[in-house]
Full PDB file with SEQRES, HELIX, SHEET, SSBOND, CRYST1, ORIGX, SCALE, CONECT and MASTER records, all heavy atoms in Angstrom:
SEQRES   1 A   38  ASP ILE ARG SER GLU GLU SER ALA ARG SER MET ALA ASN          
SEQRES   2 A   38  LYS THR LEU GLU HIS PHE GLY SER ILE ASP VAL LEU VAL          
SEQRES   3 A   38  ASN ASN ALA GLY ILE SER PRO PHE MET ALA PRO MET              
HELIX    1 AA1 GLU A    5  PHE A   19  1                                  15    
CRYST1    1.000    1.000    1.000  90.00  90.00  90.00 P 1           1          
ORIGX1      1.000000  0.000000  0.000000        0.00000                         
ORIGX2      0.000000  1.000000  0.000000        0.00000                         
ORIGX3      0.000000  0.000000  1.000000        0.00000                         
SCALE1      1.000000  0.000000  0.000000        0.00000                         
SCALE2      0.000000  1.000000  0.000000        0.00000                         
SCALE3      0.000000  0.000000  1.000000        0.00000                         
ATOM      1  N   ASP A   1     244.134 148.895-137.248  1.00  0.00           N  
ATOM      2  CA  ASP A   1     243.066 149.623-136.560  1.00  0.00           C  
ATOM      3  C   ASP A   1     243.657 150.084-135.239  1.00  0.00           C  
ATOM      4  O   ASP A   1     243.786 149.301-134.291  1.00  0.00           O  
ATOM      5  CB  ASP A   1     241.852 148.720-136.337  1.00  0.00           C  
ATOM      6  CG  ASP A   1     240.730 149.416-135.576  1.00  0.00           C  
ATOM      7  OD1 ASP A   1     240.911 150.588-135.172  1.00  0.00           O  
ATOM      8  OD2 ASP A   1     239.676 148.787-135.353  1.00  0.00           O  
ATOM      9  N   ILE A   2     244.030 151.346-135.181  1.00  0.00           N  
ATOM     10  CA  ILE A   2     244.797 151.880-134.054  1.00  0.00           C  
ATOM     11  C   ILE A   2     244.064 151.752-132.725  1.00  0.00           C  
ATOM     12  O   ILE A   2     244.675 151.756-131.654  1.00  0.00           O  
ATOM     13  CB  ILE A   2     245.153 153.361-134.332  1.00  0.00           C  
ATOM     14  CG1 ILE A   2     246.300 153.843-133.427  1.00  0.00           C  
ATOM     15  CG2 ILE A   2     243.940 154.261-134.168  1.00  0.00           C  
ATOM     16  CD1 ILE A   2     247.629 153.349-133.830  1.00  0.00           C  
ATOM     17  N   ARG A   3     242.746 151.601-132.770  1.00  0.00           N  
ATOM     18  CA  ARG A   3     241.950 151.529-131.537  1.00  0.00           C  
ATOM     19  C   ARG A   3     241.764 150.103-131.034  1.00  0.00           C  
ATOM     20  O   ARG A   3     241.122 149.878-130.006  1.00  0.00           O  
ATOM     21  CB  ARG A   3     240.590 152.181-131.758  1.00  0.00           C  
ATOM     22  CG  ARG A   3     240.658 153.668-132.037  1.00  0.00           C  
ATOM     23  CD  ARG A   3     239.307 154.268-132.318  1.00  0.00           C  
ATOM     24  NE  ARG A   3     238.758 153.805-133.590  1.00  0.00           N  
ATOM     25  CZ  ARG A   3     237.564 154.159-134.058  1.00  0.00           C  
ATOM     26  NH1 ARG A   3     236.794 154.961-133.351  1.00  0.00           N  
ATOM     27  NH2 ARG A   3     237.152 153.703-135.221  1.00  0.00           N  
ATOM     28  N   SER A   4     242.368 149.134-131.738  1.00  0.00           N  
ATOM     29  CA  SER A   4     242.179 147.723-131.400  1.00  0.00           C  
ATOM     30  C   SER A   4     243.458 147.119-130.841  1.00  0.00           C  
ATOM     31  O   SER A   4     244.505 147.132-131.503  1.00  0.00           O  
ATOM     32  CB  SER A   4     241.735 146.940-132.644  1.00  0.00           C  
ATOM     33  OG  SER A   4     241.882 145.564-132.461  1.00  0.00           O  
ATOM     34  N   GLU A   5     243.377 146.567-129.637  1.00  0.00           N  
ATOM     35  CA  GLU A   5     244.532 145.888-129.052  1.00  0.00           C  
ATOM     36  C   GLU A   5     244.955 144.709-129.919  1.00  0.00           C  
ATOM     37  O   GLU A   5     246.150 144.482-130.144  1.00  0.00           O  
ATOM     38  CB  GLU A   5     244.192 145.402-127.641  1.00  0.00           C  
ATOM     39  CG  GLU A   5     245.322 144.653-126.961  1.00  0.00           C  
ATOM     40  CD  GLU A   5     244.940 144.130-125.587  1.00  0.00           C  
ATOM     41  OE1 GLU A   5     243.768 144.297-125.187  1.00  0.00           O  
ATOM     42  OE2 GLU A   5     245.825 143.547-124.918  1.00  0.00           O  
ATOM     43  N   GLU A   6     243.972 143.955-130.427  1.00  0.00           N  
ATOM     44  CA  GLU A   6     244.264 142.801-131.275  1.00  0.00           C  
ATOM     45  C   GLU A   6     244.992 143.220-132.548  1.00  0.00           C  
ATOM     46  O   GLU A   6     245.954 142.575-132.972  1.00  0.00           O  
ATOM     47  CB  GLU A   6     242.966 142.074-131.633  1.00  0.00           C  
ATOM     48  CG  GLU A   6     243.168 140.846-132.500  1.00  0.00           C  
ATOM     49  CD  GLU A   6     241.852 140.151-132.847  1.00  0.00           C  
ATOM     50  OE1 GLU A   6     240.796 140.595-132.355  1.00  0.00           O  
ATOM     51  OE2 GLU A   6     241.887 139.175-133.619  1.00  0.00           O  
ATOM     52  N   SER A   7     244.555 144.316-133.161  1.00  0.00           N  
ATOM     53  CA  SER A   7     245.184 144.798-134.383  1.00  0.00           C  
ATOM     54  C   SER A   7     246.610 145.281-134.118  1.00  0.00           C  
ATOM     55  O   SER A   7     247.516 145.028-134.921  1.00  0.00           O  
ATOM     56  CB  SER A   7     244.352 145.928-134.989  1.00  0.00           C  
ATOM     57  OG  SER A   7     244.894 146.349-136.218  1.00  0.00           O  
ATOM     58  N   ALA A   8     246.827 145.949-133.008  1.00  0.00           N  
ATOM     59  CA  ALA A   8     248.170 146.420-132.663  1.00  0.00           C  
ATOM     60  C   ALA A   8     249.125 145.247-132.450  1.00  0.00           C  
ATOM     61  O   ALA A   8     250.271 145.268-132.912  1.00  0.00           O  
ATOM     62  CB  ALA A   8     248.107 147.291-131.415  1.00  0.00           C  
ATOM     63  N   ARG A   9     248.641 144.223-131.775  1.00  0.00           N  
ATOM     64  CA  ARG A   9     249.485 143.045-131.548  1.00  0.00           C  
ATOM     65  C   ARG A   9     249.745 142.289-132.845  1.00  0.00           C  
ATOM     66  O   ARG A   9     250.836 141.747-133.065  1.00  0.00           O  
ATOM     67  CB  ARG A   9     248.835 142.135-130.503  1.00  0.00           C  
ATOM     68  CG  ARG A   9     248.807 142.763-129.108  1.00  0.00           C  
ATOM     69  CD  ARG A   9     248.499 141.764-128.014  1.00  0.00           C  
ATOM     70  NE  ARG A   9     248.541 142.401-126.705  1.00  0.00           N  
ATOM     71  CZ  ARG A   9     249.657 142.622-126.021  1.00  0.00           C  
ATOM     72  NH1 ARG A   9     250.820 142.245-126.534  1.00  0.00           N  
ATOM     73  NH2 ARG A   9     249.618 143.200-124.836  1.00  0.00           N  
ATOM     74  N   SER A  10     248.741 142.250-133.716  1.00  0.00           N  
ATOM     75  CA  SER A  10     248.924 141.622-135.018  1.00  0.00           C  
ATOM     76  C   SER A  10     249.989 142.354-135.828  1.00  0.00           C  
ATOM     77  O   SER A  10     250.817 141.734-136.495  1.00  0.00           O  
ATOM     78  CB  SER A  10     247.594 141.612-135.777  1.00  0.00           C  
ATOM     79  OG  SER A  10     247.762 141.097-137.080  1.00  0.00           O  
ATOM     80  N   MET A  11     249.976 143.680-135.762  1.00  0.00           N  
ATOM     81  CA  MET A  11     250.996 144.480-136.450  1.00  0.00           C  
ATOM     82  C   MET A  11     252.395 144.117-135.961  1.00  0.00           C  
ATOM     83  O   MET A  11     253.318 143.912-136.760  1.00  0.00           O  
ATOM     84  CB  MET A  11     250.739 145.966-136.212  1.00  0.00           C  
ATOM     85  CG  MET A  11     251.806 146.890-136.774  1.00  0.00           C  
ATOM     86  SD  MET A  11     251.576 148.621-136.247  1.00  0.00           S  
ATOM     87  CE  MET A  11     251.965 148.481-134.477  1.00  0.00           C  
ATOM     88  N   ALA A  12     252.551 144.015-134.646  1.00  0.00           N  
ATOM     89  CA  ALA A  12     253.852 143.662-134.080  1.00  0.00           C  
ATOM     90  C   ALA A  12     254.283 142.267-134.518  1.00  0.00           C  
ATOM     91  O   ALA A  12     255.436 142.049-134.913  1.00  0.00           O  
ATOM     92  CB  ALA A  12     253.800 143.750-132.559  1.00  0.00           C  
ATOM     93  N   ASN A  13     253.358 141.317-134.479  1.00  0.00           N  
ATOM     94  CA  ASN A  13     253.679 139.942-134.852  1.00  0.00           C  
ATOM     95  C   ASN A  13     254.054 139.824-136.324  1.00  0.00           C  
ATOM     96  O   ASN A  13     255.003 139.106-136.688  1.00  0.00           O  
ATOM     97  CB  ASN A  13     252.503 139.017-134.539  1.00  0.00           C  
ATOM     98  CG  ASN A  13     252.285 138.843-133.046  1.00  0.00           C  
ATOM     99  OD1 ASN A  13     253.216 138.988-132.261  1.00  0.00           O  
ATOM    100  ND2 ASN A  13     251.064 138.537-132.643  1.00  0.00           N  
ATOM    101  N   LYS A  14     253.308 140.512-137.200  1.00  0.00           N  
ATOM    102  CA  LYS A  14     253.610 140.472-138.629  1.00  0.00           C  
ATOM    103  C   LYS A  14     254.976 141.097-138.927  1.00  0.00           C  
ATOM    104  O   LYS A  14     255.714 140.629-139.793  1.00  0.00           O  
ATOM    105  CB  LYS A  14     252.516 141.187-139.418  1.00  0.00           C  
ATOM    106  CG  LYS A  14     251.193 140.437-139.473  1.00  0.00           C  
ATOM    107  CD  LYS A  14     250.128 141.232-140.214  1.00  0.00           C  
ATOM    108  CE  LYS A  14     248.810 140.475-140.261  1.00  0.00           C  
ATOM    109  NZ  LYS A  14     247.738 141.269-140.931  1.00  0.00           N  
ATOM    110  N   THR A  15     255.297 142.145-138.199  1.00  0.00           N  
ATOM    111  CA  THR A  15     256.601 142.790-138.368  1.00  0.00           C  
ATOM    112  C   THR A  15     257.722 141.839-137.982  1.00  0.00           C  
ATOM    113  O   THR A  15     258.730 141.703-138.698  1.00  0.00           O  
ATOM    114  CB  THR A  15     256.692 144.063-137.508  1.00  0.00           C  
ATOM    115  OG1 THR A  15     255.661 144.976-137.908  1.00  0.00           O  
ATOM    116  CG2 THR A  15     258.043 144.736-137.671  1.00  0.00           C  
ATOM    117  N   LEU A  16     257.545 141.146-136.863  1.00  0.00           N  
ATOM    118  CA  LEU A  16     258.565 140.195-136.411  1.00  0.00           C  
ATOM    119  C   LEU A  16     258.695 139.018-137.374  1.00  0.00           C  
ATOM    120  O   LEU A  16     259.809 138.545-137.649  1.00  0.00           O  
ATOM    121  CB  LEU A  16     258.226 139.698-135.002  1.00  0.00           C  
ATOM    122  CG  LEU A  16     258.354 140.742-133.886  1.00  0.00           C  
ATOM    123  CD1 LEU A  16     257.795 140.206-132.576  1.00  0.00           C  
ATOM    124  CD2 LEU A  16     259.812 141.154-133.711  1.00  0.00           C  
ATOM    125  N   GLU A  17     257.578 138.550-137.887  1.00  0.00           N  
ATOM    126  CA  GLU A  17     257.614 137.441-138.843  1.00  0.00           C  
ATOM    127  C   GLU A  17     258.358 137.825-140.120  1.00  0.00           C  
ATOM    128  O   GLU A  17     259.083 137.008-140.697  1.00  0.00           O  
ATOM    129  CB  GLU A  17     256.185 137.011-139.197  1.00  0.00           C  
ATOM    130  CG  GLU A  17     255.448 136.313-138.063  1.00  0.00           C  
ATOM    131  CD  GLU A  17     253.979 136.091-138.380  1.00  0.00           C  
ATOM    132  OE1 GLU A  17     253.562 136.407-139.524  1.00  0.00           O  
ATOM    133  OE2 GLU A  17     253.235 135.629-137.484  1.00  0.00           O  
ATOM    134  N   HIS A  18     258.184 139.061-140.556  1.00  0.00           N  
ATOM    135  CA  HIS A  18     258.766 139.488-141.836  1.00  0.00           C  
ATOM    136  C   HIS A  18     260.211 139.968-141.697  1.00  0.00           C  
ATOM    137  O   HIS A  18     261.064 139.626-142.517  1.00  0.00           O  
ATOM    138  CB  HIS A  18     257.911 140.605-142.430  1.00  0.00           C  
ATOM    139  CG  HIS A  18     258.239 140.929-143.853  1.00  0.00           C  
ATOM    140  ND1 HIS A  18     257.728 140.209-144.917  1.00  0.00           N  
ATOM    141  CD2 HIS A  18     259.030 141.896-144.405  1.00  0.00           C  
ATOM    142  CE1 HIS A  18     258.173 140.707-146.053  1.00  0.00           C  
ATOM    143  NE2 HIS A  18     258.967 141.731-145.770  1.00  0.00           N  
ATOM    144  N   PHE A  19     260.482 140.771-140.665  1.00  0.00           N  
ATOM    145  CA  PHE A  19     261.809 141.374-140.532  1.00  0.00           C  
ATOM    146  C   PHE A  19     262.631 140.817-139.367  1.00  0.00           C  
ATOM    147  O   PHE A  19     263.831 141.064-139.288  1.00  0.00           O  
ATOM    148  CB  PHE A  19     261.689 142.892-140.374  1.00  0.00           C  
ATOM    149  CG  PHE A  19     261.277 143.613-141.635  1.00  0.00           C  
ATOM    150  CD1 PHE A  19     260.141 144.410-141.658  1.00  0.00           C  
ATOM    151  CD2 PHE A  19     262.017 143.497-142.798  1.00  0.00           C  
ATOM    152  CE1 PHE A  19     259.762 145.088-142.806  1.00  0.00           C  
ATOM    153  CE2 PHE A  19     261.654 144.167-143.959  1.00  0.00           C  
ATOM    154  CZ  PHE A  19     260.515 144.959-143.963  1.00  0.00           C  
ATOM    155  N   GLY A  20     261.977 140.115-138.427  1.00  0.00           N  
ATOM    156  CA  GLY A  20     262.707 139.465-137.348  1.00  0.00           C  
ATOM    157  C   GLY A  20     263.003 140.328-136.139  1.00  0.00           C  
ATOM    158  O   GLY A  20     263.505 139.828-135.129  1.00  0.00           O  
ATOM    159  N   SER A  21     262.708 141.605-136.222  1.00  0.00           N  
ATOM    160  CA  SER A  21     263.003 142.486-135.091  1.00  0.00           C  
ATOM    161  C   SER A  21     262.143 143.742-135.191  1.00  0.00           C  
ATOM    162  O   SER A  21     261.616 144.075-136.256  1.00  0.00           O  
ATOM    163  CB  SER A  21     264.479 142.879-135.084  1.00  0.00           C  
ATOM    164  OG  SER A  21     264.780 143.722-133.988  1.00  0.00           O  
ATOM    165  N   ILE A  22     261.979 144.421-134.062  1.00  0.00           N  
ATOM    166  CA  ILE A  22     261.373 145.757-134.031  1.00  0.00           C  
ATOM    167  C   ILE A  22     262.322 146.640-133.230  1.00  0.00           C  
ATOM    168  O   ILE A  22     262.528 146.415-132.041  1.00  0.00           O  
ATOM    169  CB  ILE A  22     259.982 145.756-133.364  1.00  0.00           C  
ATOM    170  CG1 ILE A  22     259.013 144.835-134.111  1.00  0.00           C  
ATOM    171  CG2 ILE A  22     259.422 147.190-133.322  1.00  0.00           C  
ATOM    172  CD1 ILE A  22     257.685 144.640-133.388  1.00  0.00           C  
ATOM    173  N   ASP A  23     262.907 147.604-133.889  1.00  0.00           N  
ATOM    174  CA  ASP A  23     263.887 148.463-133.237  1.00  0.00           C  
ATOM    175  C   ASP A  23     263.324 149.831-132.872  1.00  0.00           C  
ATOM    176  O   ASP A  23     263.707 150.421-131.860  1.00  0.00           O  
ATOM    177  CB  ASP A  23     265.104 148.640-134.146  1.00  0.00           C  
ATOM    178  CG  ASP A  23     265.774 147.312-134.461  1.00  0.00           C  
ATOM    179  OD1 ASP A  23     266.355 146.716-133.534  1.00  0.00           O  
ATOM    180  OD2 ASP A  23     265.680 146.858-135.612  1.00  0.00           O  
ATOM    181  N   VAL A  24     262.420 150.327-133.721  1.00  0.00           N  
ATOM    182  CA  VAL A  24     261.859 151.666-133.510  1.00  0.00           C  
ATOM    183  C   VAL A  24     260.359 151.640-133.809  1.00  0.00           C  
ATOM    184  O   VAL A  24     259.926 151.043-134.795  1.00  0.00           O  
ATOM    185  CB  VAL A  24     262.530 152.711-134.440  1.00  0.00           C  
ATOM    186  CG1 VAL A  24     261.964 154.103-134.175  1.00  0.00           C  
ATOM    187  CG2 VAL A  24     264.037 152.704-134.279  1.00  0.00           C  
ATOM    188  N   LEU A  25     259.584 152.264-132.939  1.00  0.00           N  
ATOM    189  CA  LEU A  25     258.161 152.478-133.188  1.00  0.00           C  
ATOM    190  C   LEU A  25     257.904 153.976-133.211  1.00  0.00           C  
ATOM    191  O   LEU A  25     258.246 154.679-132.256  1.00  0.00           O  
ATOM    192  CB  LEU A  25     257.309 151.833-132.099  1.00  0.00           C  
ATOM    193  CG  LEU A  25     255.824 152.252-132.073  1.00  0.00           C  
ATOM    194  CD1 LEU A  25     255.091 151.744-133.314  1.00  0.00           C  
ATOM    195  CD2 LEU A  25     255.141 151.753-130.796  1.00  0.00           C  
ATOM    196  N   VAL A  26     257.306 154.456-134.284  1.00  0.00           N  
ATOM    197  CA  VAL A  26     256.892 155.852-134.371  1.00  0.00           C  
ATOM    198  C   VAL A  26     255.374 155.905-134.301  1.00  0.00           C  
ATOM    199  O   VAL A  26     254.679 155.480-135.226  1.00  0.00           O  
ATOM    200  CB  VAL A  26     257.385 156.524-135.671  1.00  0.00           C  
ATOM    201  CG1 VAL A  26     256.954 157.998-135.696  1.00  0.00           C  
ATOM    202  CG2 VAL A  26     258.893 156.418-135.798  1.00  0.00           C  
ATOM    203  N   ASN A  27     254.867 156.393-133.186  1.00  0.00           N  
ATOM    204  CA  ASN A  27     253.415 156.534-133.003  1.00  0.00           C  
ATOM    205  C   ASN A  27     252.974 157.856-133.624  1.00  0.00           C  
ATOM    206  O   ASN A  27     252.863 158.883-132.949  1.00  0.00           O  
ATOM    207  CB  ASN A  27     253.064 156.499-131.510  1.00  0.00           C  
ATOM    208  CG  ASN A  27     253.083 155.095-130.956  1.00  0.00           C  
ATOM    209  OD1 ASN A  27     252.526 154.174-131.545  1.00  0.00           O  
ATOM    210  ND2 ASN A  27     253.733 154.918-129.818  1.00  0.00           N  
ATOM    211  N   ASN A  28     252.730 157.792-134.930  1.00  0.00           N  
ATOM    212  CA  ASN A  28     252.376 158.992-135.688  1.00  0.00           C  
ATOM    213  C   ASN A  28     250.885 159.087-135.979  1.00  0.00           C  
ATOM    214  O   ASN A  28     250.362 160.187-136.180  1.00  0.00           O  
ATOM    215  CB  ASN A  28     253.161 159.013-137.008  1.00  0.00           C  
ATOM    216  CG  ASN A  28     252.649 160.063-137.961  1.00  0.00           C  
ATOM    217  OD1 ASN A  28     252.741 161.256-137.706  1.00  0.00           O  
ATOM    218  ND2 ASN A  28     252.078 159.626-139.081  1.00  0.00           N  
ATOM    219  N   ALA A  29     250.179 157.970-136.004  1.00  0.00           N  
ATOM    220  CA  ALA A  29     248.759 157.980-136.364  1.00  0.00           C  
ATOM    221  C   ALA A  29     247.979 158.919-135.455  1.00  0.00           C  
ATOM    222  O   ALA A  29     248.117 158.882-134.232  1.00  0.00           O  
ATOM    223  CB  ALA A  29     248.180 156.574-136.274  1.00  0.00           C  
ATOM    224  N   GLY A  30     247.180 159.771-136.065  1.00  0.00           N  
ATOM    225  CA  GLY A  30     246.386 160.713-135.280  1.00  0.00           C  
ATOM    226  C   GLY A  30     245.301 161.339-136.131  1.00  0.00           C  
ATOM    227  O   GLY A  30     245.383 161.341-137.359  1.00  0.00           O  
ATOM    228  N   ILE A  31     244.297 161.861-135.466  1.00  0.00           N  
ATOM    229  CA  ILE A  31     243.193 162.504-136.174  1.00  0.00           C  
ATOM    230  C   ILE A  31     242.820 163.821-135.503  1.00  0.00           C  
ATOM    231  O   ILE A  31     243.036 164.022-134.319  1.00  0.00           O  
ATOM    232  CB  ILE A  31     241.939 161.602-136.232  1.00  0.00           C  
ATOM    233  CG1 ILE A  31     241.451 161.253-134.806  1.00  0.00           C  
ATOM    234  CG2 ILE A  31     242.196 160.353-137.058  1.00  0.00           C  
ATOM    235  CD1 ILE A  31     240.088 160.581-134.773  1.00  0.00           C  
ATOM    236  N   SER A  32     242.271 164.707-136.311  1.00  0.00           N  
ATOM    237  CA  SER A  32     241.635 165.931-135.825  1.00  0.00           C  
ATOM    238  C   SER A  32     240.454 166.174-136.759  1.00  0.00           C  
ATOM    239  O   SER A  32     240.496 167.028-137.648  1.00  0.00           O  
ATOM    240  CB  SER A  32     242.612 167.110-135.859  1.00  0.00           C  
ATOM    241  OG  SER A  32     242.009 168.273-135.336  1.00  0.00           O  
ATOM    242  N   PRO A  33     239.386 165.375-136.595  1.00  0.00           N  
ATOM    243  CA  PRO A  33     238.336 165.297-137.615  1.00  0.00           C  
ATOM    244  C   PRO A  33     237.354 166.458-137.649  1.00  0.00           C  
ATOM    245  O   PRO A  33     236.538 166.533-138.562  1.00  0.00           O  
ATOM    246  CB  PRO A  33     237.617 164.006-137.241  1.00  0.00           C  
ATOM    247  CG  PRO A  33     237.796 163.885-135.760  1.00  0.00           C  
ATOM    248  CD  PRO A  33     239.171 164.437-135.491  1.00  0.00           C  
ATOM    249  N   PHE A  34     237.434 167.348-136.668  1.00  0.00           N  
ATOM    250  CA  PHE A  34     236.481 168.462-136.655  1.00  0.00           C  
ATOM    251  C   PHE A  34     237.075 169.642-135.906  1.00  0.00           C  
ATOM    252  O   PHE A  34     238.044 169.504-135.164  1.00  0.00           O  
ATOM    253  CB  PHE A  34     235.166 168.040-135.977  1.00  0.00           C  
ATOM    254  CG  PHE A  34     235.329 167.590-134.552  1.00  0.00           C  
ATOM    255  CD1 PHE A  34     235.373 168.504-133.505  1.00  0.00           C  
ATOM    256  CD2 PHE A  34     235.463 166.243-134.247  1.00  0.00           C  
ATOM    257  CE1 PHE A  34     235.546 168.089-132.189  1.00  0.00           C  
ATOM    258  CE2 PHE A  34     235.640 165.814-132.932  1.00  0.00           C  
ATOM    259  CZ  PHE A  34     235.675 166.739-131.902  1.00  0.00           C  
ATOM    260  N   MET A  35     236.474 170.809-136.130  1.00  0.00           N  
ATOM    261  CA  MET A  35     236.808 171.996-135.354  1.00  0.00           C  
ATOM    262  C   MET A  35     235.568 172.435-134.602  1.00  0.00           C  
ATOM    263  O   MET A  35     234.495 172.560-135.188  1.00  0.00           O  
ATOM    264  CB  MET A  35     237.295 173.126-136.254  1.00  0.00           C  
ATOM    265  CG  MET A  35     238.664 172.881-136.857  1.00  0.00           C  
ATOM    266  SD  MET A  35     239.328 174.405-137.582  1.00  0.00           S  
ATOM    267  CE  MET A  35     239.710 175.350-136.088  1.00  0.00           C  
ATOM    268  N   ALA A  36     235.709 172.652-133.293  1.00  0.00           N  
ATOM    269  CA  ALA A  36     234.573 173.072-132.479  1.00  0.00           C  
ATOM    270  C   ALA A  36     235.080 173.607-131.150  1.00  0.00           C  
ATOM    271  O   ALA A  36     236.067 173.096-130.606  1.00  0.00           O  
ATOM    272  CB  ALA A  36     233.626 171.897-132.224  1.00  0.00           C  
ATOM    273  N   PRO A  37     234.424 174.630-130.619  1.00  0.00           N  
ATOM    274  CA  PRO A  37     234.772 175.069-129.266  1.00  0.00           C  
ATOM    275  C   PRO A  37     234.414 173.983-128.274  1.00  0.00           C  
ATOM    276  O   PRO A  37     233.550 173.130-128.549  1.00  0.00           O  
ATOM    277  CB  PRO A  37     233.905 176.316-129.063  1.00  0.00           C  
ATOM    278  CG  PRO A  37     232.770 176.149-130.005  1.00  0.00           C  
ATOM    279  CD  PRO A  37     233.320 175.414-131.190  1.00  0.00           C  
ATOM    280  N   MET A  38     235.039 173.991-127.126  1.00  0.00           N  
ATOM    281  CA  MET A  38     234.841 172.903-126.176  1.00  0.00           C  
ATOM    282  C   MET A  38     233.399 172.798-125.688  1.00  0.00           C  
ATOM    283  O   MET A  38     232.914 171.704-125.397  1.00  0.00           O  
ATOM    284  CB  MET A  38     235.793 173.071-124.988  1.00  0.00           C  
ATOM    285  CG  MET A  38     237.258 172.892-125.350  1.00  0.00           C  
ATOM    286  SD  MET A  38     237.639 171.254-126.018  1.00  0.00           S  
ATOM    287  CE  MET A  38     237.808 170.312-124.503  1.00  0.00           C  
TER     288      MET A  38                                                      
MASTER        0    0    0    1    0    0    0    6  287    1    0    3          
END                                                                             
């Protein structure tokens, strides 16, 4: 859940538990759910 600090930290911890390191983070998650003038 990209909007949750707890979820982001859980992602990092699970990655470290499984692979032992984090070398690269690609922040690709994004949304554009609608089109509208400002």
